[in-house]
């Protein structure tokens, strides 16, 4: 539908912007400032777009997230894999499928169980990236995942529908008043 497609397009644009920040981070990985900048940018976009953002490396480990993993609901974190305090995606087959491709993927659901138990479905945009970085033999690869709850989309749809109903109501009242005034003039010349 229109609203979910618009939200997907918006998240896709956010993903494109985030690619640039991820590229800057990868090129300056040793700098604590680049990690700090990336985390603040992710926090900002996460808040502004009511989304959860994961940036994963080619092995599916979550390198950075917005909001930070310690602020994410325990229900969601319980569905991620954890090894020594490092979180990764539960289904690497899906991650590898997105990683190999070059196209942005979109899905609506519980993201392979990660959002199970939250009470609603999520729109997920999966945006693969690949950078050539000096100092690395191969490419730096990973995926940017942008998740937003579907109720946010339905809330926007409800707001638009409410404006429509109010507009129709106001137009109907104005029409009735105008018809009444003109009918009085016609019936009493």
N, C-alpha and C. Protein backbone atom coordinates (compact mmCIF):
# COMPACT_ATOMS: atom_id res chain seq x y z
N UNK A 1 0.83 -1.19 0.00
CA UNK A 1 0.00 0.00 0.00
C UNK A 1 0.87 1.25 0.00
N UNK A 2 0.24 2.37 -0.21
CA UNK A 2 0.97 3.63 -0.42
C UNK A 2 1.82 4.03 0.77
N UNK A 3 1.27 3.97 1.97
CA UNK A 3 2.00 4.44 3.16
C UNK A 3 3.23 3.58 3.43
N UNK A 4 3.08 2.24 3.35
CA UNK A 4 4.24 1.38 3.60
C UNK A 4 5.28 1.54 2.51
N UNK A 5 4.85 1.76 1.27
CA UNK A 5 5.82 2.00 0.20
C UNK A 5 6.57 3.31 0.40
N UNK A 6 5.86 4.33 0.87
CA UNK A 6 6.51 5.61 1.17
C UNK A 6 7.51 5.46 2.31
N UNK A 7 7.13 4.73 3.35
CA UNK A 7 8.04 4.51 4.49
C UNK A 7 9.26 3.71 4.03
N UNK A 8 9.02 2.71 3.17
CA UNK A 8 10.14 1.92 2.64
C UNK A 8 11.07 2.80 1.82
N UNK A 9 10.51 3.69 1.00
CA UNK A 9 11.33 4.60 0.19
C UNK A 9 12.14 5.53 1.09
N UNK A 10 11.51 6.01 2.17
CA UNK A 10 12.21 6.89 3.10
C UNK A 10 13.36 6.15 3.77
N UNK A 11 13.09 4.92 4.25
CA UNK A 11 14.15 4.14 4.89
C UNK A 11 15.26 3.80 3.90
N UNK A 12 14.90 3.60 2.65
CA UNK A 12 15.89 3.33 1.62
C UNK A 12 16.82 4.53 1.46
N UNK A 13 16.25 5.74 1.47
CA UNK A 13 17.06 6.96 1.38
C UNK A 13 17.96 7.10 2.61
N UNK A 14 17.41 6.78 3.77
CA UNK A 14 18.21 6.83 5.01
C UNK A 14 19.38 5.85 4.89
N UNK A 15 19.11 4.67 4.34
CA UNK A 15 20.17 3.67 4.14
C UNK A 15 21.27 4.18 3.24
N UNK A 16 20.90 4.91 2.20
CA UNK A 16 21.92 5.49 1.30
C UNK A 16 22.80 6.49 2.03
N UNK A 17 22.19 7.32 2.87
CA UNK A 17 22.96 8.29 3.65
C UNK A 17 23.87 7.55 4.63
N UNK A 18 23.33 6.52 5.28
CA UNK A 18 24.12 5.77 6.26
C UNK A 18 25.32 5.07 5.62
N UNK A 19 25.19 4.68 4.35
CA UNK A 19 26.31 4.05 3.64
C UNK A 19 27.54 4.95 3.67
N UNK A 20 27.33 6.25 3.48
CA UNK A 20 28.44 7.19 3.49
C UNK A 20 29.10 7.24 4.86
N UNK A 21 28.28 7.24 5.91
CA UNK A 21 28.84 7.25 7.27
C UNK A 21 29.58 5.95 7.59
N UNK A 22 29.03 4.84 7.12
CA UNK A 22 29.69 3.55 7.33
C UNK A 22 31.02 3.52 6.58
N UNK A 23 31.04 4.05 5.37
CA UNK A 23 32.28 4.10 4.61
C UNK A 23 33.33 4.94 5.35
N UNK A 24 32.92 6.09 5.88
CA UNK A 24 33.85 6.94 6.65
C UNK A 24 34.34 6.20 7.89
N UNK A 25 33.45 5.46 8.53
CA UNK A 25 33.85 4.69 9.72
C UNK A 25 34.87 3.62 9.36
N UNK A 26 34.59 2.88 8.27
CA UNK A 26 35.48 1.79 7.87
C UNK A 26 36.86 2.33 7.50
N UNK A 27 36.91 3.47 6.83
CA UNK A 27 38.20 4.05 6.45
C UNK A 27 38.98 4.58 7.64
N UNK A 28 38.28 4.89 8.73
CA UNK A 28 38.94 5.43 9.93
C UNK A 28 38.61 4.58 11.15
N UNK A 29 38.60 3.28 10.98
CA UNK A 29 38.14 2.35 12.02
C UNK A 29 38.92 2.48 13.32
N UNK A 30 40.16 2.83 13.25
CA UNK A 30 40.98 2.93 14.45
C UNK A 30 40.66 4.18 15.27
N UNK A 31 40.02 5.15 14.67
CA UNK A 31 39.74 6.41 15.34
C UNK A 31 38.50 6.28 16.22
N UNK A 32 38.61 6.59 17.52
CA UNK A 32 37.43 6.55 18.38
C UNK A 32 36.39 7.59 17.96
N UNK A 33 36.85 8.66 17.32
CA UNK A 33 35.93 9.70 16.87
C UNK A 33 34.99 9.17 15.79
N UNK A 34 35.49 8.33 14.89
CA UNK A 34 34.63 7.80 13.83
C UNK A 34 33.57 6.86 14.41
N UNK A 35 33.94 6.05 15.40
CA UNK A 35 32.96 5.17 16.06
C UNK A 35 31.91 6.01 16.78
N UNK A 36 32.34 7.06 17.46
CA UNK A 36 31.43 7.95 18.18
C UNK A 36 30.48 8.64 17.20
N UNK A 37 31.02 9.14 16.10
CA UNK A 37 30.20 9.81 15.09
C UNK A 37 29.15 8.86 14.52
N UNK A 38 29.58 7.65 14.18
CA UNK A 38 28.65 6.67 13.62
C UNK A 38 27.55 6.35 14.63
N UNK A 39 27.90 6.15 15.88
CA UNK A 39 26.88 5.82 16.89
C UNK A 39 25.89 6.96 17.07
N UNK A 40 26.37 8.20 17.07
CA UNK A 40 25.47 9.35 17.22
C UNK A 40 24.56 9.52 16.01
N UNK A 41 25.10 9.29 14.81
CA UNK A 41 24.28 9.38 13.60
C UNK A 41 23.20 8.30 13.62
N UNK A 42 23.57 7.09 14.03
CA UNK A 42 22.59 6.01 14.10
C UNK A 42 21.50 6.31 15.13
N UNK A 43 21.91 6.83 16.29
CA UNK A 43 20.93 7.21 17.33
C UNK A 43 19.97 8.26 16.78
N UNK A 44 20.51 9.25 16.08
CA UNK A 44 19.69 10.33 15.54
C UNK A 44 18.69 9.81 14.51
N UNK A 45 19.16 9.04 13.54
CA UNK A 45 18.26 8.50 12.52
C UNK A 45 17.26 7.54 13.13
N UNK A 46 17.69 6.75 14.09
CA UNK A 46 16.79 5.82 14.75
C UNK A 46 15.65 6.56 15.44
N UNK A 47 15.97 7.63 16.14
CA UNK A 47 14.95 8.42 16.82
C UNK A 47 14.05 9.13 15.83
N UNK A 48 14.63 9.78 14.84
CA UNK A 48 13.85 10.58 13.89
C UNK A 48 12.92 9.75 13.02
N UNK A 49 13.27 8.50 12.75
CA UNK A 49 12.46 7.67 11.88
C UNK A 49 11.78 6.52 12.62
N UNK A 50 11.78 6.56 13.94
CA UNK A 50 11.14 5.52 14.77
C UNK A 50 11.57 4.13 14.32
N UNK A 51 12.87 3.95 14.21
CA UNK A 51 13.41 2.71 13.65
C UNK A 51 14.50 2.14 14.54
N UNK A 52 14.78 0.87 14.30
CA UNK A 52 15.96 0.23 14.87
C UNK A 52 16.88 -0.06 13.70
N UNK A 53 18.14 0.32 13.83
CA UNK A 53 19.10 0.17 12.74
C UNK A 53 20.24 -0.74 13.21
N UNK A 54 20.53 -1.77 12.43
CA UNK A 54 21.67 -2.65 12.68
C UNK A 54 22.64 -2.49 11.51
N UNK A 55 23.91 -2.37 11.82
CA UNK A 55 24.94 -2.45 10.78
C UNK A 55 25.75 -3.69 11.09
N UNK A 56 25.77 -4.62 10.14
CA UNK A 56 26.45 -5.89 10.36
C UNK A 56 27.65 -6.01 9.42
N UNK A 57 28.61 -6.79 9.88
CA UNK A 57 29.75 -7.09 9.01
C UNK A 57 29.41 -8.31 8.16
N UNK A 58 30.36 -8.79 7.39
CA UNK A 58 30.08 -9.89 6.47
C UNK A 58 29.78 -11.20 7.19
N UNK A 59 30.13 -11.30 8.48
CA UNK A 59 29.87 -12.51 9.25
C UNK A 59 28.55 -12.44 10.02
N UNK A 60 27.82 -11.33 9.87
CA UNK A 60 26.53 -11.20 10.52
C UNK A 60 26.59 -10.61 11.92
N UNK A 61 27.79 -10.22 12.36
CA UNK A 61 27.91 -9.60 13.69
C UNK A 61 27.46 -8.15 13.62
N UNK A 62 26.71 -7.72 14.64
CA UNK A 62 26.23 -6.35 14.68
C UNK A 62 27.38 -5.46 15.15
N UNK A 63 27.90 -4.66 14.23
CA UNK A 63 29.04 -3.78 14.49
C UNK A 63 28.58 -2.52 15.22
N UNK A 64 27.42 -2.02 14.81
CA UNK A 64 26.88 -0.81 15.42
C UNK A 64 25.37 -0.85 15.27
N UNK A 65 24.67 -0.13 16.15
CA UNK A 65 23.23 -0.11 16.06
C UNK A 65 22.69 1.21 16.58
N UNK A 66 21.49 1.51 16.16
CA UNK A 66 20.80 2.69 16.67
C UNK A 66 19.37 2.29 16.99
N UNK A 67 18.91 2.39 18.19
CA UNK A 67 19.66 2.79 19.37
C UNK A 67 20.72 1.73 19.72
N UNK A 68 21.62 2.09 20.62
CA UNK A 68 22.67 1.14 20.97
C UNK A 68 22.04 -0.12 21.56
N UNK A 69 22.75 -1.24 21.45
CA UNK A 69 22.18 -2.53 21.86
C UNK A 69 21.77 -2.55 23.33
N UNK A 70 22.44 -1.78 24.18
CA UNK A 70 22.04 -1.80 25.59
C UNK A 70 20.72 -1.05 25.83
N UNK A 71 20.23 -0.31 24.85
CA UNK A 71 18.95 0.40 24.97
C UNK A 71 17.81 -0.34 24.27
N UNK A 72 18.14 -1.40 23.54
CA UNK A 72 17.12 -2.16 22.80
C UNK A 72 16.42 -3.11 23.77
N UNK A 73 15.14 -3.30 23.55
CA UNK A 73 14.31 -4.16 24.40
C UNK A 73 14.93 -5.54 24.59
N UNK A 74 14.79 -6.04 25.79
CA UNK A 74 15.29 -7.38 26.11
C UNK A 74 14.62 -8.46 25.29
N UNK A 75 13.36 -8.23 24.90
CA UNK A 75 12.63 -9.20 24.06
C UNK A 75 13.34 -9.34 22.72
N UNK A 76 13.75 -8.22 22.15
CA UNK A 76 14.42 -8.25 20.85
C UNK A 76 15.82 -8.85 21.01
N UNK A 77 16.56 -8.41 22.02
CA UNK A 77 17.93 -8.92 22.21
C UNK A 77 17.94 -10.43 22.48
N UNK A 78 16.88 -10.94 23.11
CA UNK A 78 16.85 -12.37 23.42
C UNK A 78 16.75 -13.23 22.16
N UNK A 79 16.33 -12.64 21.04
CA UNK A 79 16.23 -13.38 19.79
C UNK A 79 17.48 -13.24 18.92
N UNK A 80 18.44 -12.44 19.35
CA UNK A 80 19.72 -12.33 18.65
C UNK A 80 20.68 -13.35 19.25
N UNK A 81 21.66 -13.78 18.47
CA UNK A 81 22.70 -14.66 19.01
C UNK A 81 23.73 -13.80 19.74
N UNK A 82 24.22 -14.31 20.85
CA UNK A 82 25.24 -13.56 21.60
C UNK A 82 26.41 -14.47 21.95
N UNK A 83 27.61 -13.99 21.67
CA UNK A 83 28.84 -14.68 22.04
C UNK A 83 29.78 -13.67 22.67
N UNK A 84 30.10 -13.84 23.92
CA UNK A 84 31.02 -12.95 24.63
C UNK A 84 30.63 -11.48 24.51
N UNK A 85 29.34 -11.20 24.62
CA UNK A 85 28.87 -9.82 24.57
C UNK A 85 28.73 -9.23 23.18
N UNK A 86 29.02 -10.02 22.15
CA UNK A 86 28.89 -9.56 20.77
C UNK A 86 27.66 -10.22 20.18
N UNK A 87 26.76 -9.39 19.64
CA UNK A 87 25.51 -9.90 19.09
C UNK A 87 25.62 -10.11 17.59
N UNK A 88 24.88 -11.11 17.12
CA UNK A 88 24.80 -11.36 15.67
C UNK A 88 23.38 -11.75 15.31
N UNK A 89 23.10 -11.77 14.02
CA UNK A 89 21.78 -12.14 13.54
C UNK A 89 21.57 -13.64 13.71
N UNK A 90 20.34 -14.06 13.99
CA UNK A 90 20.10 -15.49 14.22
C UNK A 90 20.13 -16.34 12.96
N UNK A 91 19.79 -15.76 11.80
CA UNK A 91 19.70 -16.53 10.56
C UNK A 91 20.72 -16.02 9.56
N UNK A 92 21.88 -16.64 9.53
CA UNK A 92 22.94 -16.18 8.62
C UNK A 92 22.67 -16.54 7.17
N UNK A 93 21.79 -17.52 6.91
CA UNK A 93 21.45 -17.83 5.52
C UNK A 93 20.81 -16.61 4.86
N UNK A 94 19.87 -15.98 5.57
CA UNK A 94 19.23 -14.78 5.04
C UNK A 94 20.23 -13.65 4.89
N UNK A 95 21.09 -13.48 5.89
CA UNK A 95 22.11 -12.42 5.85
C UNK A 95 23.02 -12.62 4.64
N UNK A 96 23.46 -13.85 4.42
CA UNK A 96 24.36 -14.13 3.29
C UNK A 96 23.68 -13.89 1.96
N UNK A 97 22.38 -14.19 1.87
CA UNK A 97 21.63 -13.95 0.64
C UNK A 97 21.61 -12.45 0.32
N UNK A 98 21.37 -11.63 1.33
CA UNK A 98 21.35 -10.18 1.12
C UNK A 98 22.77 -9.68 0.83
N UNK A 99 23.75 -10.21 1.54
CA UNK A 99 25.14 -9.78 1.40
C UNK A 99 25.67 -10.03 -0.01
N UNK A 100 25.31 -11.16 -0.58
CA UNK A 100 25.79 -11.52 -1.92
C UNK A 100 25.16 -10.62 -2.97
N UNK A 101 23.87 -10.28 -2.78
CA UNK A 101 23.17 -9.44 -3.75
C UNK A 101 23.64 -8.00 -3.68
N UNK A 102 23.20 -7.23 -4.64
CA UNK A 102 23.54 -5.81 -4.64
C UNK A 102 22.31 -4.93 -4.54
N UNK A 103 21.15 -5.57 -4.49
CA UNK A 103 19.90 -4.83 -4.44
C UNK A 103 19.39 -4.71 -3.01
N UNK A 104 18.67 -3.65 -2.77
CA UNK A 104 18.01 -3.45 -1.49
C UNK A 104 16.82 -4.39 -1.43
N UNK A 105 16.66 -5.07 -0.30
CA UNK A 105 15.53 -5.98 -0.11
C UNK A 105 14.58 -5.39 0.92
N UNK A 106 13.32 -5.78 0.82
CA UNK A 106 12.29 -5.28 1.74
C UNK A 106 11.46 -6.47 2.20
N UNK A 107 11.10 -6.49 3.48
CA UNK A 107 10.20 -7.52 3.98
C UNK A 107 9.34 -6.98 5.11
N UNK A 108 8.18 -7.56 5.29
CA UNK A 108 7.32 -7.23 6.42
C UNK A 108 7.09 -8.52 7.19
N UNK A 109 7.34 -8.47 8.49
CA UNK A 109 7.19 -9.65 9.32
C UNK A 109 7.95 -9.47 10.61
N UNK A 110 8.35 -10.60 11.21
CA UNK A 110 9.08 -10.51 12.48
C UNK A 110 10.60 -10.62 12.28
N UNK A 111 11.07 -10.45 11.06
CA UNK A 111 12.49 -10.51 10.70
C UNK A 111 13.14 -11.79 11.23
N UNK A 112 12.59 -12.90 10.76
CA UNK A 112 13.12 -14.22 11.08
C UNK A 112 13.19 -14.47 12.59
N UNK A 113 12.17 -13.97 13.28
CA UNK A 113 12.05 -14.23 14.71
C UNK A 113 12.66 -13.19 15.62
N UNK A 114 13.41 -12.23 15.08
CA UNK A 114 14.06 -11.22 15.93
C UNK A 114 13.03 -10.38 16.67
N UNK A 115 11.92 -10.05 16.00
CA UNK A 115 10.91 -9.19 16.61
C UNK A 115 9.70 -9.97 17.11
N UNK A 116 9.85 -11.30 17.24
CA UNK A 116 8.77 -12.12 17.78
C UNK A 116 8.52 -11.71 19.23
N UNK A 117 7.28 -11.56 19.59
CA UNK A 117 6.95 -11.20 20.96
C UNK A 117 6.80 -9.70 21.18
N UNK A 118 7.02 -8.89 20.14
CA UNK A 118 6.85 -7.45 20.30
C UNK A 118 5.39 -7.04 20.13
N UNK A 119 4.57 -7.93 19.58
CA UNK A 119 3.15 -7.64 19.45
C UNK A 119 2.73 -7.12 18.09
N UNK A 120 3.65 -6.87 17.19
CA UNK A 120 3.28 -6.42 15.86
C UNK A 120 4.39 -6.75 14.86
N UNK A 121 4.04 -6.58 13.57
CA UNK A 121 4.99 -6.86 12.51
C UNK A 121 5.88 -5.64 12.26
N UNK A 122 6.99 -5.89 11.57
CA UNK A 122 7.96 -4.84 11.29
C UNK A 122 8.26 -4.79 9.81
N UNK A 123 8.47 -3.57 9.31
CA UNK A 123 8.96 -3.36 7.95
C UNK A 123 10.48 -3.31 8.05
N UNK A 124 11.15 -4.14 7.26
CA UNK A 124 12.62 -4.19 7.29
C UNK A 124 13.16 -3.90 5.91
N UNK A 125 14.11 -2.96 5.85
CA UNK A 125 14.85 -2.67 4.63
C UNK A 125 16.27 -3.19 4.84
N UNK A 126 16.75 -4.01 3.90
CA UNK A 126 18.07 -4.62 3.99
C UNK A 126 18.93 -4.07 2.85
N UNK A 127 19.95 -3.33 3.19
CA UNK A 127 20.76 -2.62 2.20
C UNK A 127 22.22 -3.10 2.28
N UNK A 128 22.66 -3.92 1.31
CA UNK A 128 24.05 -4.38 1.34
C UNK A 128 25.02 -3.27 0.94
N UNK A 129 26.25 -3.36 1.47
CA UNK A 129 27.27 -2.40 1.06
C UNK A 129 28.59 -3.13 0.83
N UNK A 130 29.43 -2.52 -0.01
CA UNK A 130 30.75 -3.08 -0.31
C UNK A 130 31.67 -1.90 -0.59
N UNK A 131 32.79 -1.84 0.14
CA UNK A 131 33.73 -0.74 -0.03
C UNK A 131 35.13 -1.29 -0.30
N UNK A 132 35.86 -0.57 -1.12
CA UNK A 132 37.30 -0.83 -1.27
C UNK A 132 38.00 0.14 -0.34
N UNK A 133 38.80 -0.40 0.57
CA UNK A 133 39.48 0.44 1.56
C UNK A 133 40.97 0.15 1.50
N UNK A 134 41.76 1.21 1.50
CA UNK A 134 43.20 1.00 1.49
C UNK A 134 43.61 0.34 2.80
N UNK A 135 44.53 -0.59 2.71
CA UNK A 135 44.99 -1.32 3.88
C UNK A 135 44.30 -2.68 4.03
N UNK A 136 43.23 -2.91 3.28
CA UNK A 136 42.54 -4.20 3.31
C UNK A 136 42.78 -4.90 1.99
N UNK A 137 42.98 -6.22 2.04
CA UNK A 137 43.20 -6.95 0.80
C UNK A 137 41.91 -7.08 0.00
N UNK A 138 40.82 -7.45 0.67
CA UNK A 138 39.55 -7.63 -0.02
C UNK A 138 38.63 -6.45 0.20
N UNK A 139 37.39 -6.65 -0.19
CA UNK A 139 36.38 -5.63 0.03
C UNK A 139 35.86 -5.71 1.46
N UNK A 140 35.44 -4.58 1.99
CA UNK A 140 34.73 -4.56 3.26
C UNK A 140 33.26 -4.65 2.91
N UNK A 141 32.61 -5.69 3.42
CA UNK A 141 31.20 -5.95 3.07
C UNK A 141 30.36 -6.03 4.33
N UNK A 142 29.09 -5.74 4.17
CA UNK A 142 28.14 -5.85 5.27
C UNK A 142 26.76 -5.46 4.79
N UNK A 143 25.84 -5.35 5.76
CA UNK A 143 24.47 -5.01 5.45
C UNK A 143 23.97 -3.99 6.48
N UNK A 144 23.23 -3.00 5.99
CA UNK A 144 22.54 -2.06 6.87
C UNK A 144 21.08 -2.52 6.92
N UNK A 145 20.61 -2.82 8.13
CA UNK A 145 19.22 -3.22 8.34
C UNK A 145 18.47 -2.07 9.01
N UNK A 146 17.37 -1.66 8.41
CA UNK A 146 16.53 -0.61 8.99
C UNK A 146 15.16 -1.22 9.27
N UNK A 147 14.75 -1.22 10.53
CA UNK A 147 13.49 -1.84 10.95
C UNK A 147 12.58 -0.76 11.53
N UNK A 148 11.32 -0.78 11.13
CA UNK A 148 10.34 0.12 11.75
C UNK A 148 9.06 -0.67 11.98
N UNK A 149 8.41 -0.45 13.11
CA UNK A 149 7.18 -1.21 13.37
C UNK A 149 6.06 -0.79 12.43
N UNK A 150 5.28 -1.75 11.99
CA UNK A 150 4.17 -1.49 11.08
C UNK A 150 3.12 -0.58 11.73
N UNK A 151 2.86 -0.65 13.05
CA UNK A 151 1.90 0.29 13.63
C UNK A 151 2.26 1.75 13.37
N UNK A 152 3.53 2.08 13.25
CA UNK A 152 3.91 3.45 12.90
C UNK A 152 3.36 3.81 11.52
N UNK A 153 3.40 2.86 10.61
CA UNK A 153 2.88 3.09 9.27
C UNK A 153 1.36 3.21 9.34
N UNK A 154 0.72 2.34 10.12
CA UNK A 154 -0.73 2.39 10.24
C UNK A 154 -1.17 3.68 10.94
N UNK A 155 -0.36 4.17 11.86
CA UNK A 155 -0.66 5.43 12.54
C UNK A 155 -0.69 6.57 11.51
N UNK A 156 0.28 6.58 10.60
CA UNK A 156 0.31 7.61 9.55
C UNK A 156 -0.92 7.48 8.66
N UNK A 157 -1.30 6.26 8.32
CA UNK A 157 -2.48 6.03 7.49
C UNK A 157 -3.73 6.53 8.20
N UNK A 158 -3.85 6.27 9.51
CA UNK A 158 -5.00 6.72 10.29
C UNK A 158 -5.06 8.24 10.33
N UNK A 159 -3.91 8.88 10.47
CA UNK A 159 -3.87 10.35 10.49
C UNK A 159 -4.35 10.93 9.17
N UNK A 160 -3.89 10.38 8.06
CA UNK A 160 -4.32 10.85 6.74
C UNK A 160 -5.82 10.63 6.58
N UNK A 161 -6.30 9.47 6.99
CA UNK A 161 -7.73 9.16 6.88
C UNK A 161 -8.56 10.12 7.73
N UNK A 162 -8.08 10.44 8.93
CA UNK A 162 -8.79 11.39 9.81
C UNK A 162 -8.91 12.76 9.15
N UNK A 163 -7.82 13.24 8.56
CA UNK A 163 -7.87 14.52 7.84
C UNK A 163 -8.87 14.48 6.70
N UNK A 164 -8.92 13.36 6.01
CA UNK A 164 -9.86 13.19 4.90
C UNK A 164 -11.30 13.27 5.40
N UNK A 165 -11.62 12.55 6.46
CA UNK A 165 -12.97 12.54 7.01
C UNK A 165 -13.37 13.94 7.49
N UNK A 166 -12.46 14.62 8.17
CA UNK A 166 -12.75 15.99 8.64
C UNK A 166 -13.00 16.91 7.46
N UNK A 167 -12.19 16.80 6.42
CA UNK A 167 -12.36 17.64 5.22
C UNK A 167 -13.70 17.40 4.55
N UNK A 168 -14.07 16.13 4.42
CA UNK A 168 -15.36 15.79 3.81
C UNK A 168 -16.50 16.34 4.67
N UNK A 169 -16.40 16.22 5.98
CA UNK A 169 -17.43 16.73 6.88
C UNK A 169 -17.60 18.24 6.77
N UNK A 170 -16.48 18.95 6.77
CA UNK A 170 -16.52 20.41 6.64
C UNK A 170 -17.10 20.81 5.28
N UNK A 171 -16.69 20.14 4.23
CA UNK A 171 -17.20 20.43 2.88
C UNK A 171 -18.70 20.17 2.81
N UNK A 172 -19.17 19.09 3.45
CA UNK A 172 -20.60 18.77 3.44
C UNK A 172 -21.40 19.85 4.17
N UNK A 173 -20.92 20.29 5.32
CA UNK A 173 -21.62 21.33 6.09
C UNK A 173 -21.68 22.62 5.28
N UNK A 174 -20.58 23.02 4.68
CA UNK A 174 -20.55 24.24 3.87
C UNK A 174 -21.51 24.10 2.68
N UNK A 175 -21.53 22.94 2.05
CA UNK A 175 -22.44 22.72 0.91
C UNK A 175 -23.89 22.83 1.34
N UNK A 176 -24.24 22.26 2.46
CA UNK A 176 -25.63 22.32 2.94
C UNK A 176 -26.03 23.76 3.23
N UNK A 177 -25.15 24.52 3.88
CA UNK A 177 -25.44 25.92 4.19
C UNK A 177 -25.62 26.72 2.89
N UNK A 178 -24.75 26.54 1.93
CA UNK A 178 -24.85 27.26 0.65
C UNK A 178 -26.13 26.87 -0.10
N UNK A 179 -26.46 25.60 -0.12
CA UNK A 179 -27.68 25.14 -0.79
C UNK A 179 -28.90 25.77 -0.11
N UNK A 180 -28.92 25.82 1.20
CA UNK A 180 -30.03 26.42 1.95
C UNK A 180 -30.17 27.90 1.61
N UNK A 181 -29.05 28.62 1.59
CA UNK A 181 -29.09 30.06 1.29
C UNK A 181 -29.59 30.30 -0.13
N UNK A 182 -29.09 29.56 -1.10
CA UNK A 182 -29.52 29.75 -2.49
C UNK A 182 -30.97 29.31 -2.69
N UNK A 183 -31.40 28.27 -1.99
CA UNK A 183 -32.80 27.83 -2.14
C UNK A 183 -33.76 28.86 -1.55
N UNK A 184 -33.35 29.56 -0.48
CA UNK A 184 -34.20 30.63 0.06
C UNK A 184 -34.35 31.75 -0.94
N UNK A 185 -33.30 32.13 -1.62
CA UNK A 185 -33.35 33.20 -2.61
C UNK A 185 -34.21 32.82 -3.80
N UNK A 186 -34.13 31.55 -4.19
CA UNK A 186 -34.92 31.10 -5.33
C UNK A 186 -36.40 30.99 -4.98
N UNK A 187 -36.70 30.57 -3.78
CA UNK A 187 -38.12 30.38 -3.40
C UNK A 187 -38.79 31.72 -3.04
N UNK A 188 -38.03 32.75 -2.62
CA UNK A 188 -38.57 34.08 -2.34
C UNK A 188 -37.86 35.11 -3.20
N UNK A 189 -38.37 35.35 -4.37
CA UNK A 189 -37.68 36.28 -5.27
C UNK A 189 -37.76 37.74 -4.84
